[in-house]
Protein backbone atom coordinates (compact mmCIF):
# COMPACT_ATOMS: atom_id res chain seq x y z
CA UNK A 1 -7.41 -21.13 14.87
CA UNK A 2 -5.73 -23.82 13.39
CA UNK A 3 -9.08 -25.05 11.79
CA UNK A 4 -10.68 -21.90 10.78
CA UNK A 5 -6.93 -21.97 8.62
CA UNK A 6 -7.49 -25.25 7.10
CA UNK A 7 -11.01 -24.20 5.93
CA UNK A 8 -9.92 -20.84 4.35
CA UNK A 9 -6.94 -22.73 2.62
CA UNK A 10 -9.18 -25.80 1.57
CA UNK A 11 -7.15 -28.39 3.11
CA UNK A 12 -10.46 -29.84 4.68
CA UNK A 13 -11.09 -32.86 2.36
CA UNK A 14 -14.98 -32.79 3.12
CA UNK A 15 -15.53 -29.36 1.64
CA UNK A 16 -15.83 -28.85 -1.98
CA UNK A 17 -14.88 -25.72 -3.67
CA UNK A 18 -18.37 -24.20 -3.89
CA UNK A 19 -18.68 -24.67 0.01
CA UNK A 20 -15.06 -23.32 0.46
CA UNK A 21 -16.12 -19.86 -1.81
CA UNK A 22 -19.17 -19.50 0.03
CA UNK A 23 -17.78 -19.64 3.59
CA UNK A 24 -14.94 -17.13 2.76
CA UNK A 25 -17.80 -14.84 1.24
CA UNK A 26 -19.55 -15.27 4.55
CA UNK A 27 -16.46 -14.81 6.68
CA UNK A 28 -15.56 -11.77 4.93
CA UNK A 29 -18.75 -9.98 4.76
CA UNK A 30 -19.15 -10.61 8.77
CA UNK A 31 -15.82 -9.14 9.41
CA UNK A 32 -17.05 -6.10 7.03
CA UNK A 33 -20.53 -5.64 8.85
CA UNK A 34 -18.30 -6.03 12.39
CA UNK A 35 -15.91 -3.22 11.17
CA UNK A 36 -19.05 -1.01 9.76
CA UNK A 37 -21.24 -1.60 12.76
CA UNK A 38 -18.22 -1.03 15.16
CA UNK A 39 -16.27 1.49 13.97
CA UNK A 40 -17.69 3.32 11.00
CA UNK A 41 -21.69 3.63 11.48
CA UNK A 42 -22.76 6.83 13.21
CA UNK A 43 -24.05 4.77 15.88
CA UNK A 44 -20.96 2.70 16.37
CA UNK A 45 -19.78 0.76 19.39
CA UNK A 46 -17.27 3.08 20.71
CA UNK A 47 -19.79 5.91 20.82
CA UNK A 48 -22.44 3.63 22.82
CA UNK A 49 -19.30 3.04 25.27
CA UNK A 50 -18.63 6.30 25.65
CA UNK A 51 -22.18 7.60 26.16
CA UNK A 52 -22.31 4.60 28.75
CA UNK A 53 -19.66 6.07 30.51
CA UNK A 54 -20.99 9.24 30.67
CA UNK A 55 -24.15 8.44 32.10
CA UNK A 56 -22.92 6.52 34.50
CA UNK A 57 -20.47 9.61 35.71
CA UNK A 58 -23.74 11.68 35.48
CA UNK A 59 -25.85 9.12 37.23
CA UNK A 60 -22.94 9.25 40.36
CA UNK A 61 -23.46 13.26 40.36
CA UNK A 62 -27.17 13.03 40.54
CA UNK A 63 -26.83 10.73 43.71
CA UNK A 64 -24.10 12.73 45.21
CA UNK A 65 -26.29 16.42 44.52
CA UNK A 66 -28.94 14.27 45.95
CA UNK A 67 -27.19 13.37 49.42
CA UNK A 68 -26.34 16.91 49.27
CA UNK A 69 -30.07 18.31 48.79
CA UNK A 70 -30.97 15.79 51.78
CA UNK A 71 -28.50 17.27 53.99
CA UNK A 72 -29.21 20.77 53.19
CA UNK A 73 -33.08 20.27 53.94
CA UNK A 74 -32.23 18.80 57.49
CA UNK A 75 -30.03 21.84 57.98
CA UNK A 76 -32.77 24.03 57.23
CA UNK A 77 -35.48 22.12 59.14
CA UNK A 78 -33.03 22.54 62.33
CA UNK A 79 -32.49 26.08 61.56
CA UNK A 80 -36.36 27.16 61.06
CA UNK A 81 -37.34 24.93 63.99
CA UNK A 82 -36.09 26.97 66.76
CA UNK A 83 -35.87 30.84 66.88
CA UNK A 84 -32.26 30.84 68.78
CA UNK A 85 -30.76 28.64 66.20
CA UNK A 86 -32.26 31.07 63.10
CA UNK A 87 -31.29 34.08 65.02
CA UNK A 88 -27.64 32.55 65.24
CA UNK A 89 -27.71 31.72 61.50
CA UNK A 90 -28.32 34.94 60.75
CA UNK A 91 -26.02 36.80 62.57
CA UNK A 92 -23.18 34.58 61.15
CA UNK A 93 -24.13 34.39 57.54
CA UNK A 94 -25.43 37.63 57.17
CA UNK A 95 -23.71 39.27 59.86
CA UNK A 96 -26.82 40.77 61.03
CA UNK A 97 -26.99 42.55 64.84
CA UNK A 98 -29.83 43.20 67.13
CA UNK A 99 -30.16 46.90 68.38
CA UNK A 100 -27.36 47.96 70.94
CA UNK A 101 -25.19 44.94 70.00
CA UNK A 102 -21.47 45.92 69.19
CA UNK A 103 -20.29 43.98 66.24
CA UNK A 104 -16.65 43.39 65.29
CA UNK A 105 -15.84 41.79 62.39
CA UNK A 106 -12.47 39.73 61.81
CA UNK A 107 -11.18 39.02 58.48
């Protein structure tokens, strides 16, 4: 930071005034550009970071839901593979009964 301060104030003996004024123009224009692109522009860096965080969260949600889908597919295959398990599932989930069964519902 000290070297930049010397160049800005003109204490560097090797630089003539024209070079210092160009350097000052270059530094100011670069800072203005960084501020415009980073914060003022419609597609700024802050928006990119927010979008990146949102995309990362959505990807995690997709992975979690995909695991849930795979688990449910495995459960469905297990239920459909055996008639007894299908009948038990129907009785438990839909409160179905075979003819002649006594049905008790607990709440």
